[in-house]
Amino acid sequence: MTERSWQSLDLQWMRAKASDGFGPVGPAVVTGLDWNNLLLTTRLNGKIVQQETTAHMIHKPEKVISYLSQYFTLKPGDMIFMGTPGQTSAVVSGDEISVEIDGIGILSNKIKWP
């Protein structure tokens, strides 16, 4: 989750990418999927605002993992937030974001900030 207006205004992207509620994680880890070609659908208040496959991400998961593992010891259960393919939409406090990934499920999160 990124709040784009904060990202463009701030000197550091921490607030725009790591505010409370911006990194929701589901209750389970799914294995055995082809991470390079999963359909990802994002809904903003029930309306589809993003629908694209992970094949269209700028950097492939293998490339990101290879790069990060040069600097960090990665262990089972570690999470890497890579973003999403396609365009994004602006959000405001009170909006509900739902992300659905084929083979994994749907995770919904209500945005809250002062």
PDB file of N, CA and C in Angstrom:
ATOM      1  N   MET A   1       0.851  -1.171   0.000  1.00  0.00           N
ATOM      2  CA  MET A   1       0.000   0.000   0.000  1.00  0.00           C
ATOM      3  C   MET A   1       0.891   1.225   0.000  1.00  0.00           C
ATOM      4  N   THR A   2       0.627   2.134  -0.911  1.00  0.00           N
ATOM      5  CA  THR A   2       1.358   3.400  -0.976  1.00  0.00           C
ATOM      6  C   THR A   2       0.365   4.528  -1.153  1.00  0.00           C
ATOM      7  N   GLU A   3       0.527   5.580  -0.397  1.00  0.00           N
ATOM      8  CA  GLU A   3      -0.284   6.791  -0.556  1.00  0.00           C
ATOM      9  C   GLU A   3       0.540   7.730  -1.423  1.00  0.00           C
ATOM     10  N   ARG A   4       0.180   7.821  -2.708  1.00  0.00           N
ATOM     11  CA  ARG A   4       1.009   8.501  -3.704  1.00  0.00           C
ATOM     12  C   ARG A   4       1.215   9.993  -3.428  1.00  0.00           C
ATOM     13  N   SER A   5       0.217  10.700  -2.917  1.00  0.00           N
ATOM     14  CA  SER A   5       0.411  12.132  -2.673  1.00  0.00           C
ATOM     15  C   SER A   5       1.443  12.348  -1.565  1.00  0.00           C
ATOM     16  N   TRP A   6       1.443  11.489  -0.541  1.00  0.00           N
ATOM     17  CA  TRP A   6       2.465  11.582   0.502  1.00  0.00           C
ATOM     18  C   TRP A   6       3.841  11.264  -0.081  1.00  0.00           C
ATOM     19  N   GLN A   7       3.877  10.268  -0.952  1.00  0.00           N
ATOM     20  CA  GLN A   7       5.148   9.851  -1.539  1.00  0.00           C
ATOM     21  C   GLN A   7       5.784  11.007  -2.308  1.00  0.00           C
ATOM     22  N   SER A   8       4.986  11.770  -3.041  1.00  0.00           N
ATOM     23  CA  SER A   8       5.541  12.859  -3.833  1.00  0.00           C
ATOM     24  C   SER A   8       5.874  14.091  -2.990  1.00  0.00           C
ATOM     25  N   LEU A   9       5.259  14.225  -1.808  1.00  0.00           N
ATOM     26  CA  LEU A   9       5.479  15.400  -0.963  1.00  0.00           C
ATOM     27  C   LEU A   9       6.608  15.231   0.047  1.00  0.00           C
ATOM     28  N   ASP A  10       6.835  14.020   0.511  1.00  0.00           N
ATOM     29  CA  ASP A  10       7.768  13.790   1.611  1.00  0.00           C
ATOM     30  C   ASP A  10       9.201  13.619   1.126  1.00  0.00           C
ATOM     31  N   LEU A  11      10.133  13.941   2.003  1.00  0.00           N
ATOM     32  CA  LEU A  11      11.549  13.734   1.702  1.00  0.00           C
ATOM     33  C   LEU A  11      11.908  12.249   1.729  1.00  0.00           C
ATOM     34  N   GLN A  12      11.202  11.482   2.545  1.00  0.00           N
ATOM     35  CA  GLN A  12      11.435  10.048   2.699  1.00  0.00           C
ATOM     36  C   GLN A  12      10.101   9.333   2.481  1.00  0.00           C
ATOM     37  N   TRP A  13      10.093   8.164   1.893  1.00  0.00           N
ATOM     38  CA  TRP A  13       8.848   7.466   1.556  1.00  0.00           C
ATOM     39  C   TRP A  13       8.274   6.663   2.704  1.00  0.00           C
ATOM     40  N   MET A  14       8.855   6.745   3.891  1.00  0.00           N
ATOM     41  CA  MET A  14       8.416   5.931   5.027  1.00  0.00           C
ATOM     42  C   MET A  14       6.925   6.110   5.314  1.00  0.00           C
ATOM     43  N   ARG A  15       6.447   7.328   5.454  1.00  0.00           N
ATOM     44  CA  ARG A  15       5.035   7.561   5.773  1.00  0.00           C
ATOM     45  C   ARG A  15       4.143   7.009   4.663  1.00  0.00           C
ATOM     46  N   ALA A  16       4.518   7.220   3.423  1.00  0.00           N
ATOM     47  CA  ALA A  16       3.692   6.808   2.279  1.00  0.00           C
ATOM     48  C   ALA A  16       3.621   5.303   2.098  1.00  0.00           C
ATOM     49  N   LYS A  17       4.584   4.582   2.607  1.00  0.00           N
ATOM     50  CA  LYS A  17       4.638   3.141   2.394  1.00  0.00           C
ATOM     51  C   LYS A  17       4.527   2.307   3.664  1.00  0.00           C
ATOM     52  N   ALA A  18       4.668   2.920   4.847  1.00  0.00           N
ATOM     53  CA  ALA A  18       4.731   2.115   6.060  1.00  0.00           C
ATOM     54  C   ALA A  18       3.854   2.624   7.194  1.00  0.00           C
ATOM     55  N   SER A  19       2.851   3.435   6.883  1.00  0.00           N
ATOM     56  CA  SER A  19       1.937   3.889   7.932  1.00  0.00           C
ATOM     57  C   SER A  19       1.109   2.717   8.447  1.00  0.00           C
ATOM     58  N   ASP A  20       0.523   2.888   9.628  1.00  0.00           N
ATOM     59  CA  ASP A  20      -0.302   1.819  10.205  1.00  0.00           C
ATOM     60  C   ASP A  20      -1.341   1.351   9.187  1.00  0.00           C
ATOM     61  N   GLY A  21      -1.451   0.051   9.037  1.00  0.00           N
ATOM     62  CA  GLY A  21      -2.449  -0.539   8.140  1.00  0.00           C
ATOM     63  C   GLY A  21      -2.016  -0.639   6.693  1.00  0.00           C
ATOM     64  N   PHE A  22      -0.830  -0.159   6.350  1.00  0.00           N
ATOM     65  CA  PHE A  22      -0.392  -0.153   4.951  1.00  0.00           C
ATOM     66  C   PHE A  22       0.253  -1.459   4.505  1.00  0.00           C
ATOM     67  N   GLY A  23       0.523  -2.386   5.401  1.00  0.00           N
ATOM     68  CA  GLY A  23       1.157  -3.648   5.033  1.00  0.00           C
ATOM     69  C   GLY A  23       0.384  -4.843   5.540  1.00  0.00           C
ATOM     70  N   PRO A  24      -0.903  -4.934   5.197  1.00  0.00           N
ATOM     71  CA  PRO A  24      -1.680  -6.060   5.723  1.00  0.00           C
ATOM     72  C   PRO A  24      -1.165  -7.393   5.193  1.00  0.00           C
ATOM     73  N   VAL A  25      -1.228  -8.396   6.058  1.00  0.00           N
ATOM     74  CA  VAL A  25      -0.756  -9.729   5.707  1.00  0.00           C
ATOM     75  C   VAL A  25      -1.834 -10.724   6.106  1.00  0.00           C
ATOM     76  N   GLY A  26      -2.074 -11.704   5.256  1.00  0.00           N
ATOM     77  CA  GLY A  26      -3.094 -12.703   5.521  1.00  0.00           C
ATOM     78  C   GLY A  26      -2.678 -13.717   6.574  1.00  0.00           C
ATOM     79  N   PRO A  27      -3.592 -14.599   6.907  1.00  0.00           N
ATOM     80  CA  PRO A  27      -3.351 -15.558   7.981  1.00  0.00           C
ATOM     81  C   PRO A  27      -2.544 -16.786   7.571  1.00  0.00           C
ATOM     82  N   ALA A  28      -2.228 -16.918   6.288  1.00  0.00           N
ATOM     83  CA  ALA A  28      -1.535 -18.132   5.845  1.00  0.00           C
ATOM     84  C   ALA A  28      -0.517 -17.801   4.762  1.00  0.00           C
ATOM     85  N   VAL A  29       0.480 -18.672   4.633  1.00  0.00           N
ATOM     86  CA  VAL A  29       1.460 -18.584   3.560  1.00  0.00           C
ATOM     87  C   VAL A  29       1.122 -19.678   2.559  1.00  0.00           C
ATOM     88  N   VAL A  30       1.040 -19.315   1.286  1.00  0.00           N
ATOM     89  CA  VAL A  30       0.698 -20.269   0.243  1.00  0.00           C
ATOM     90  C   VAL A  30       1.964 -20.629  -0.524  1.00  0.00           C
ATOM     91  N   THR A  31       2.166 -21.911  -0.763  1.00  0.00           N
ATOM     92  CA  THR A  31       3.345 -22.370  -1.500  1.00  0.00           C
ATOM     93  C   THR A  31       2.907 -23.119  -2.752  1.00  0.00           C
ATOM     94  N   GLY A  32       3.869 -23.346  -3.638  1.00  0.00           N
ATOM     95  CA  GLY A  32       3.614 -24.161  -4.820  1.00  0.00           C
ATOM     96  C   GLY A  32       2.962 -23.425  -5.976  1.00  0.00           C
ATOM     97  N   LEU A  33       2.967 -22.108  -5.950  1.00  0.00           N
ATOM     98  CA  LEU A  33       2.381 -21.330  -7.043  1.00  0.00           C
ATOM     99  C   LEU A  33       3.475 -20.775  -7.947  1.00  0.00           C
ATOM    100  N   ASP A  34       3.118 -20.462  -9.197  1.00  0.00           N
ATOM    101  CA  ASP A  34       4.044 -19.812 -10.122  1.00  0.00           C
ATOM    102  C   ASP A  34       3.937 -18.307  -9.893  1.00  0.00           C
ATOM    103  N   TRP A  35       4.808 -17.771  -9.062  1.00  0.00           N
ATOM    104  CA  TRP A  35       4.745 -16.356  -8.675  1.00  0.00           C
ATOM    105  C   TRP A  35       4.954 -15.424  -9.861  1.00  0.00           C
ATOM    106  N   ASN A  36       5.430 -15.949 -10.979  1.00  0.00           N
ATOM    107  CA  ASN A  36       5.688 -15.108 -12.142  1.00  0.00           C
ATOM    108  C   ASN A  36       4.468 -14.896 -13.020  1.00  0.00           C
ATOM    109  N   ASN A  37       3.344 -15.541 -12.707  1.00  0.00           N
ATOM    110  CA  ASN A  37       2.175 -15.369 -13.568  1.00  0.00           C
ATOM    111  C   ASN A  37       0.887 -15.596 -12.786  1.00  0.00           C
ATOM    112  N   LEU A  38       0.635 -14.729 -11.806  1.00  0.00           N
ATOM    113  CA  LEU A  38      -0.602 -14.787 -11.028  1.00  0.00           C
ATOM    114  C   LEU A  38      -1.429 -13.541 -11.323  1.00  0.00           C
ATOM    115  N   LEU A  39      -2.735 -13.712 -11.472  1.00  0.00           N
ATOM    116  CA  LEU A  39      -3.610 -12.567 -11.681  1.00  0.00           C
ATOM    117  C   LEU A  39      -3.844 -11.873 -10.352  1.00  0.00           C
ATOM    118  N   LEU A  40      -3.587 -10.572 -10.322  1.00  0.00           N
ATOM    119  CA  LEU A  40      -3.774  -9.760  -9.139  1.00  0.00           C
ATOM    120  C   LEU A  40      -4.855  -8.722  -9.440  1.00  0.00           C
ATOM    121  N   THR A  41      -5.874  -8.660  -8.595  1.00  0.00           N
ATOM    122  CA  THR A  41      -6.970  -7.701  -8.762  1.00  0.00           C
ATOM    123  C   THR A  41      -7.074  -6.855  -7.503  1.00  0.00           C
ATOM    124  N   THR A  42      -7.032  -5.538  -7.672  1.00  0.00           N
ATOM    125  CA  THR A  42      -7.185  -4.616  -6.549  1.00  0.00           C
ATOM    126  C   THR A  42      -8.504  -3.881  -6.706  1.00  0.00           C
ATOM    127  N   ARG A  43      -9.267  -3.844  -5.611  1.00  0.00           N
ATOM    128  CA  ARG A  43     -10.532  -3.120  -5.599  1.00  0.00           C
ATOM    129  C   ARG A  43     -10.456  -1.991  -4.576  1.00  0.00           C
ATOM    130  N   LEU A  44     -10.944  -0.828  -4.962  1.00  0.00           N
ATOM    131  CA  LEU A  44     -11.047   0.323  -4.078  1.00  0.00           C
ATOM    132  C   LEU A  44     -12.526   0.554  -3.843  1.00  0.00           C
ATOM    133  N   ASN A  45     -12.967   0.323  -2.608  1.00  0.00           N
ATOM    134  CA  ASN A  45     -14.391   0.436  -2.265  1.00  0.00           C
ATOM    135  C   ASN A  45     -15.264  -0.392  -3.203  1.00  0.00           C
ATOM    136  N   GLY A  46     -14.790  -1.600  -3.538  1.00  0.00           N
ATOM    137  CA  GLY A  46     -15.546  -2.537  -4.362  1.00  0.00           C
ATOM    138  C   GLY A  46     -15.351  -2.389  -5.858  1.00  0.00           C
ATOM    139  N   LYS A  47     -14.742  -1.307  -6.314  1.00  0.00           N
ATOM    140  CA  LYS A  47     -14.533  -1.070  -7.752  1.00  0.00           C
ATOM    141  C   LYS A  47     -13.132  -1.526  -8.148  1.00  0.00           C
ATOM    142  N   ILE A  48     -13.035  -2.304  -9.237  1.00  0.00           N
ATOM    143  CA  ILE A  48     -11.727  -2.751  -9.718  1.00  0.00           C
ATOM    144  C   ILE A  48     -10.939  -1.540 -10.213  1.00  0.00           C
ATOM    145  N   VAL A  49      -9.750  -1.339  -9.615  1.00  0.00           N
ATOM    146  CA  VAL A  49      -8.890  -0.224 -10.015  1.00  0.00           C
ATOM    147  C   VAL A  49      -7.552  -0.722 -10.571  1.00  0.00           C
ATOM    148  N   GLN A  50      -7.322  -2.008 -10.429  1.00  0.00           N
ATOM    149  CA  GLN A  50      -6.066  -2.576 -10.887  1.00  0.00           C
ATOM    150  C   GLN A  50      -6.296  -4.058 -11.156  1.00  0.00           C
ATOM    151  N   GLN A  51      -5.926  -4.506 -12.343  1.00  0.00           N
ATOM    152  CA  GLN A  51      -6.033  -5.936 -12.650  1.00  0.00           C
ATOM    153  C   GLN A  51      -4.953  -6.269 -13.657  1.00  0.00           C
ATOM    154  N   GLU A  52      -3.992  -7.056 -13.214  1.00  0.00           N
ATOM    155  CA  GLU A  52      -2.826  -7.340 -14.031  1.00  0.00           C
ATOM    156  C   GLU A  52      -2.175  -8.609 -13.509  1.00  0.00           C
ATOM    157  N   THR A  53      -1.392  -9.252 -14.348  1.00  0.00           N
ATOM    158  CA  THR A  53      -0.676 -10.431 -13.869  1.00  0.00           C
ATOM    159  C   THR A  53       0.707 -10.035 -13.365  1.00  0.00           C
ATOM    160  N   THR A  54       1.232 -10.858 -12.482  1.00  0.00           N
ATOM    161  CA  THR A  54       2.566 -10.603 -11.950  1.00  0.00           C
ATOM    162  C   THR A  54       3.632 -10.716 -13.037  1.00  0.00           C
ATOM    163  N   ALA A  55       3.286 -11.295 -14.180  1.00  0.00           N
ATOM    164  CA  ALA A  55       4.226 -11.364 -15.306  1.00  0.00           C
ATOM    165  C   ALA A  55       4.598  -9.968 -15.795  1.00  0.00           C
ATOM    166  N   HIS A  56       3.778  -8.972 -15.498  1.00  0.00           N
ATOM    167  CA  HIS A  56       4.032  -7.608 -15.961  1.00  0.00           C
ATOM    168  C   HIS A  56       4.698  -6.719 -14.906  1.00  0.00           C
ATOM    169  N   MET A  57       5.177  -7.321 -13.828  1.00  0.00           N
ATOM    170  CA  MET A  57       5.907  -6.541 -12.832  1.00  0.00           C
ATOM    171  C   MET A  57       7.252  -6.115 -13.411  1.00  0.00           C
ATOM    172  N   ILE A  58       7.743  -4.972 -12.985  1.00  0.00           N
ATOM    173  CA  ILE A  58       9.013  -4.462 -13.498  1.00  0.00           C
ATOM    174  C   ILE A  58      10.153  -5.411 -13.167  1.00  0.00           C
ATOM    175  N   HIS A  59      10.194  -5.891 -11.931  1.00  0.00           N
ATOM    176  CA  HIS A  59      11.251  -6.812 -11.512  1.00  0.00           C
ATOM    177  C   HIS A  59      10.618  -8.140 -11.107  1.00  0.00           C
ATOM    178  N   LYS A  60      11.123  -9.229 -11.631  1.00  0.00           N
ATOM    179  CA  LYS A  60      10.609 -10.559 -11.346  1.00  0.00           C
ATOM    180  C   LYS A  60      11.018 -10.988  -9.931  1.00  0.00           C
ATOM    181  N   PRO A  61      10.187 -11.820  -9.274  1.00  0.00           N
ATOM    182  CA  PRO A  61      10.506 -12.260  -7.909  1.00  0.00           C
ATOM    183  C   PRO A  61      11.913 -12.851  -7.773  1.00  0.00           C
ATOM    184  N   GLU A  62      12.340 -13.679  -8.716  1.00  0.00           N
ATOM    185  CA  GLU A  62      13.672 -14.296  -8.626  1.00  0.00           C
ATOM    186  C   GLU A  62      14.766 -13.237  -8.604  1.00  0.00           C
ATOM    187  N   LYS A  63      14.593 -12.192  -9.409  1.00  0.00           N
ATOM    188  CA  LYS A  63      15.588 -11.118  -9.468  1.00  0.00           C
ATOM    189  C   LYS A  63      15.640 -10.368  -8.139  1.00  0.00           C
ATOM    190  N   VAL A  64      14.488 -10.076  -7.569  1.00  0.00           N
ATOM    191  CA  VAL A  64      14.430  -9.347  -6.295  1.00  0.00           C
ATOM    192  C   VAL A  64      15.042 -10.186  -5.179  1.00  0.00           C
ATOM    193  N   ILE A  65      14.682 -11.465  -5.115  1.00  0.00           N
ATOM    194  CA  ILE A  65      15.224 -12.345  -4.075  1.00  0.00           C
ATOM    195  C   ILE A  65      16.732 -12.490  -4.217  1.00  0.00           C
ATOM    196  N   SER A  66      17.207 -12.649  -5.435  1.00  0.00           N
ATOM    197  CA  SER A  66      18.642 -12.760  -5.672  1.00  0.00           C
ATOM    198  C   SER A  66      19.364 -11.508  -5.207  1.00  0.00           C
ATOM    199  N   TYR A  67      18.835 -10.357  -5.555  1.00  0.00           N
ATOM    200  CA  TYR A  67      19.452  -9.091  -5.165  1.00  0.00           C
ATOM    201  C   TYR A  67      19.464  -8.924  -3.643  1.00  0.00           C
ATOM    202  N   LEU A  68      18.306  -9.108  -3.023  1.00  0.00           N
ATOM    203  CA  LEU A  68      18.212  -8.914  -1.573  1.00  0.00           C
ATOM    204  C   LEU A  68      19.084  -9.890  -0.799  1.00  0.00           C
ATOM    205  N   SER A  69      19.183 -11.119  -1.304  1.00  0.00           N
ATOM    206  CA  SER A  69      19.958 -12.133  -0.573  1.00  0.00           C
ATOM    207  C   SER A  69      21.452 -11.829  -0.566  1.00  0.00           C
ATOM    208  N   GLN A  70      21.892 -10.891  -1.380  1.00  0.00           N
ATOM    209  CA  GLN A  70      23.291 -10.464  -1.333  1.00  0.00           C
ATOM    210  C   GLN A  70      23.564  -9.612  -0.096  1.00  0.00           C
ATOM    211  N   TYR A  71      22.511  -9.027   0.482  1.00  0.00           N
ATOM    212  CA  TYR A  71      22.667  -8.080   1.587  1.00  0.00           C
ATOM    213  C   TYR A  71      21.972  -8.517   2.876  1.00  0.00           C
ATOM    214  N   PHE A  72      20.979  -9.410   2.758  1.00  0.00           N
ATOM    215  CA  PHE A  72      20.199  -9.858   3.906  1.00  0.00           C
ATOM    216  C   PHE A  72      20.153 -11.373   3.926  1.00  0.00           C
ATOM    217  N   THR A  73      20.190 -11.944   5.110  1.00  0.00           N
ATOM    218  CA  THR A  73      19.980 -13.378   5.240  1.00  0.00           C
ATOM    219  C   THR A  73      18.473 -13.615   5.213  1.00  0.00           C
ATOM    220  N   LEU A  74      17.994 -14.250   4.162  1.00  0.00           N
ATOM    221  CA  LEU A  74      16.565 -14.537   4.030  1.00  0.00           C
ATOM    222  C   LEU A  74      16.280 -15.923   4.588  1.00  0.00           C
ATOM    223  N   LYS A  75      15.226 -16.001   5.365  1.00  0.00           N
ATOM    224  CA  LYS A  75      14.845 -17.266   6.000  1.00  0.00           C
ATOM    225  C   LYS A  75      13.386 -17.575   5.688  1.00  0.00           C
ATOM    226  N   PRO A  76      12.989 -18.844   5.788  1.00  0.00           N
ATOM    227  CA  PRO A  76      11.581 -19.191   5.560  1.00  0.00           C
ATOM    228  C   PRO A  76      10.675 -18.341   6.442  1.00  0.00           C
ATOM    229  N   GLY A  77       9.645 -17.799   5.836  1.00  0.00           N
ATOM    230  CA  GLY A  77       8.700 -16.948   6.555  1.00  0.00           C
ATOM    231  C   GLY A  77       8.975 -15.465   6.388  1.00  0.00           C
ATOM    232  N   ASP A  78      10.169 -15.094   5.906  1.00  0.00           N
ATOM    233  CA  ASP A  78      10.445 -13.685   5.638  1.00  0.00           C
ATOM    234  C   ASP A  78       9.502 -13.190   4.540  1.00  0.00           C
ATOM    235  N   MET A  79       9.117 -11.937   4.629  1.00  0.00           N
ATOM    236  CA  MET A  79       8.226 -11.348   3.622  1.00  0.00           C
ATOM    237  C   MET A  79       8.949 -10.249   2.870  1.00  0.00           C
ATOM    238  N   ILE A  80       8.734 -10.213   1.569  1.00  0.00           N
ATOM    239  CA  ILE A  80       9.278  -9.165   0.717  1.00  0.00           C
ATOM    240  C   ILE A  80       8.094  -8.485   0.043  1.00  0.00           C
ATOM    241  N   PHE A  81       7.906  -7.224   0.316  1.00  0.00           N
ATOM    242  CA  PHE A  81       6.823  -6.463  -0.298  1.00  0.00           C
ATOM    243  C   PHE A  81       7.336  -5.885  -1.607  1.00  0.00           C
ATOM    244  N   MET A  82       6.774  -6.343  -2.724  1.00  0.00           N
ATOM    245  CA  MET A  82       7.269  -5.962  -4.044  1.00  0.00           C
ATOM    246  C   MET A  82       6.382  -4.969  -4.773  1.00  0.00           C
ATOM    247  N   GLY A  83       5.244  -4.628  -4.233  1.00  0.00           N
ATOM    248  CA  GLY A  83       4.337  -3.748  -4.959  1.00  0.00           C
ATOM    249  C   GLY A  83       3.446  -4.547  -5.879  1.00  0.00           C
ATOM    250  N   THR A  84       2.824  -3.855  -6.805  1.00  0.00           N
ATOM    251  CA  THR A  84       1.883  -4.498  -7.715  1.00  0.00           C
ATOM    252  C   THR A  84       2.121  -4.024  -9.142  1.00  0.00           C
ATOM    253  N   PRO A  85       1.737  -4.840 -10.127  1.00  0.00           N
ATOM    254  CA  PRO A  85       1.850  -4.404 -11.516  1.00  0.00           C
ATOM    255  C   PRO A  85       0.679  -3.493 -11.866  1.00  0.00           C
ATOM    256  N   GLY A  86       0.853  -2.641 -12.847  1.00  0.00           N
ATOM    257  CA  GLY A  86      -0.250  -1.790 -13.308  1.00  0.00           C
ATOM    258  C   GLY A  86      -0.310  -0.458 -12.584  1.00  0.00           C
ATOM    259  N   GLN A  87      -1.354   0.295 -12.879  1.00  0.00           N
ATOM    260  CA  GLN A  87      -1.551   1.633 -12.325  1.00  0.00           C
ATOM    261  C   GLN A  87      -2.194   1.563 -10.948  1.00  0.00           C
ATOM    262  N   THR A  88      -2.050   2.643 -10.182  1.00  0.00           N
ATOM    263  CA  THR A  88      -2.646   2.728  -8.853  1.00  0.00           C
ATOM    264  C   THR A  88      -3.642   3.872  -8.807  1.00  0.00           C
ATOM    265  N   SER A  89      -4.415   3.940  -7.741  1.00  0.00           N
ATOM    266  CA  SER A  89      -5.397   5.001  -7.542  1.00  0.00           C
ATOM    267  C   SER A  89      -5.162   5.652  -6.187  1.00  0.00           C
ATOM    268  N   ALA A  90      -5.529   6.920  -6.074  1.00  0.00           N
ATOM    269  CA  ALA A  90      -5.409   7.631  -4.805  1.00  0.00           C
ATOM    270  C   ALA A  90      -6.417   7.075  -3.805  1.00  0.00           C
ATOM    271  N   VAL A  91      -6.061   7.122  -2.521  1.00  0.00           N
ATOM    272  CA  VAL A  91      -6.949   6.659  -1.463  1.00  0.00           C
ATOM    273  C   VAL A  91      -7.063   7.737  -0.396  1.00  0.00           C
ATOM    274  N   VAL A  92      -8.140   7.650   0.393  1.00  0.00           N
ATOM    275  CA  VAL A  92      -8.349   8.554   1.519  1.00  0.00           C
ATOM    276  C   VAL A  92      -8.745   7.718   2.731  1.00  0.00           C
ATOM    277  N   SER A  93      -8.607   8.304   3.904  1.00  0.00           N
ATOM    278  CA  SER A  93      -8.988   7.610   5.124  1.00  0.00           C
ATOM    279  C   SER A  93     -10.444   7.172   5.022  1.00  0.00           C
ATOM    280  N   GLY A  94     -10.712   5.930   5.393  1.00  0.00           N
ATOM    281  CA  GLY A  94     -12.056   5.369   5.306  1.00  0.00           C
ATOM    282  C   GLY A  94     -12.255   4.461   4.110  1.00  0.00           C
ATOM    283  N   ASP A  95     -11.374   4.558   3.105  1.00  0.00           N
ATOM    284  CA  ASP A  95     -11.477   3.677   1.940  1.00  0.00           C
ATOM    285  C   ASP A  95     -11.163   2.246   2.340  1.00  0.00           C
ATOM    286  N   GLU A  96     -11.740   1.297   1.592  1.00  0.00           N
ATOM    287  CA  GLU A  96     -11.419  -0.109   1.789  1.00  0.00           C
ATOM    288  C   GLU A  96     -10.712  -0.623   0.544  1.00  0.00           C
ATOM    289  N   ILE A  97      -9.555  -1.201   0.761  1.00  0.00           N
ATOM    290  CA  ILE A  97      -8.762  -1.787  -0.317  1.00  0.00           C
ATOM    291  C   ILE A  97      -8.840  -3.303  -0.180  1.00  0.00           C
ATOM    292  N   SER A  98      -9.154  -3.983  -1.277  1.00  0.00           N
ATOM    293  CA  SER A  98      -9.151  -5.445  -1.310  1.00  0.00           C
ATOM    294  C   SER A  98      -8.205  -5.882  -2.408  1.00  0.00           C
ATOM    295  N   VAL A  99      -7.347  -6.818  -2.089  1.00  0.00           N
ATOM    296  CA  VAL A  99      -6.428  -7.373  -3.077  1.00  0.00           C
ATOM    297  C   VAL A  99      -6.707  -8.868  -3.176  1.00  0.00           C
ATOM    298  N   GLU A 100      -6.916  -9.313  -4.406  1.00  0.00           N
ATOM    299  CA  GLU A 100      -7.172 -10.729  -4.670  1.00  0.00           C
ATOM    300  C   GLU A 100      -6.071 -11.260  -5.572  1.00  0.00           C
ATOM    301  N   ILE A 101      -5.488 -12.379  -5.186  1.00  0.00           N
ATOM    302  CA  ILE A 101      -4.475 -13.029  -6.009  1.00  0.00           C
ATOM    303  C   ILE A 101      -4.941 -14.455  -6.253  1.00  0.00           C
ATOM    304  N   ASP A 102      -5.033 -14.825  -7.541  1.00  0.00           N
ATOM    305  CA  ASP A 102      -5.472 -16.174  -7.899  1.00  0.00           C
ATOM    306  C   ASP A 102      -4.660 -17.225  -7.160  1.00  0.00           C
ATOM    307  N   GLY A 103      -5.336 -18.203  -6.614  1.00  0.00           N
ATOM    308  CA  GLY A 103      -4.682 -19.289  -5.912  1.00  0.00           C
ATOM    309  C   GLY A 103      -4.346 -18.986  -4.466  1.00  0.00           C
ATOM    310  N   ILE A 104      -4.548 -17.728  -4.061  1.00  0.00           N
ATOM    311  CA  ILE A 104      -4.224 -17.345  -2.687  1.00  0.00           C
ATOM    312  C   ILE A 104      -5.477 -16.908  -1.940  1.00  0.00           C
ATOM    313  N   GLY A 105      -6.208 -15.951  -2.497  1.00  0.00           N
ATOM    314  CA  GLY A 105      -7.421 -15.466  -1.850  1.00  0.00           C
ATOM    315  C   GLY A 105      -7.521 -13.952  -1.875  1.00  0.00           C
ATOM    316  N   ILE A 106      -8.382 -13.423  -1.014  1.00  0.00           N
ATOM    317  CA  ILE A 106      -8.651 -11.983  -0.941  1.00  0.00           C
ATOM    318  C   ILE A 106      -8.279 -11.483   0.451  1.00  0.00           C
ATOM    319  N   LEU A 107      -7.613 -10.328   0.489  1.00  0.00           N
ATOM    320  CA  LEU A 107      -7.298  -9.662   1.741  1.00  0.00           C
ATOM    321  C   LEU A 107      -7.832  -8.239   1.648  1.00  0.00           C
ATOM    322  N   SER A 108      -8.647  -7.845   2.614  1.00  0.00           N
ATOM    323  CA  SER A 108      -9.234  -6.500   2.624  1.00  0.00           C
ATOM    324  C   SER A 108      -8.706  -5.723   3.819  1.00  0.00           C
ATOM    325  N   ASN A 109      -8.574  -4.411   3.625  1.00  0.00           N
ATOM    326  CA  ASN A 109      -8.034  -3.546   4.657  1.00  0.00           C
ATOM    327  C   ASN A 109      -8.704  -2.177   4.561  1.00  0.00           C
ATOM    328  N   LYS A 110      -9.197  -1.675   5.679  1.00  0.00           N
ATOM    329  CA  LYS A 110      -9.790  -0.348   5.728  1.00  0.00           C
ATOM    330  C   LYS A 110      -8.689   0.661   6.085  1.00  0.00           C
ATOM    331  N   ILE A 111      -8.580   1.714   5.301  1.00  0.00           N
ATOM    332  CA  ILE A 111      -7.544   2.723   5.486  1.00  0.00           C
ATOM    333  C   ILE A 111      -7.965   3.692   6.583  1.00  0.00           C
ATOM    334  N   LYS A 112      -7.070   3.910   7.552  1.00  0.00           N
ATOM    335  CA  LYS A 112      -7.345   4.854   8.630  1.00  0.00           C
ATOM    336  C   LYS A 112      -6.096   5.695   8.867  1.00  0.00           C
ATOM    337  N   TRP A 113      -6.235   6.968   8.807  1.00  0.00           N
ATOM    338  CA  TRP A 113      -5.178   7.866   9.229  1.00  0.00           C
ATOM    339  C   TRP A 113      -5.797   9.176   9.670  1.00  0.00           C
ATOM    340  N   PRO A 114      -5.042   9.927  10.453  1.00  0.00           N
ATOM    341  CA  PRO A 114      -5.586  11.196  10.968  1.00  0.00           C
ATOM    342  C   PRO A 114      -5.871  12.196   9.879  1.00  0.00           C
TER     343      PRO A 114
END
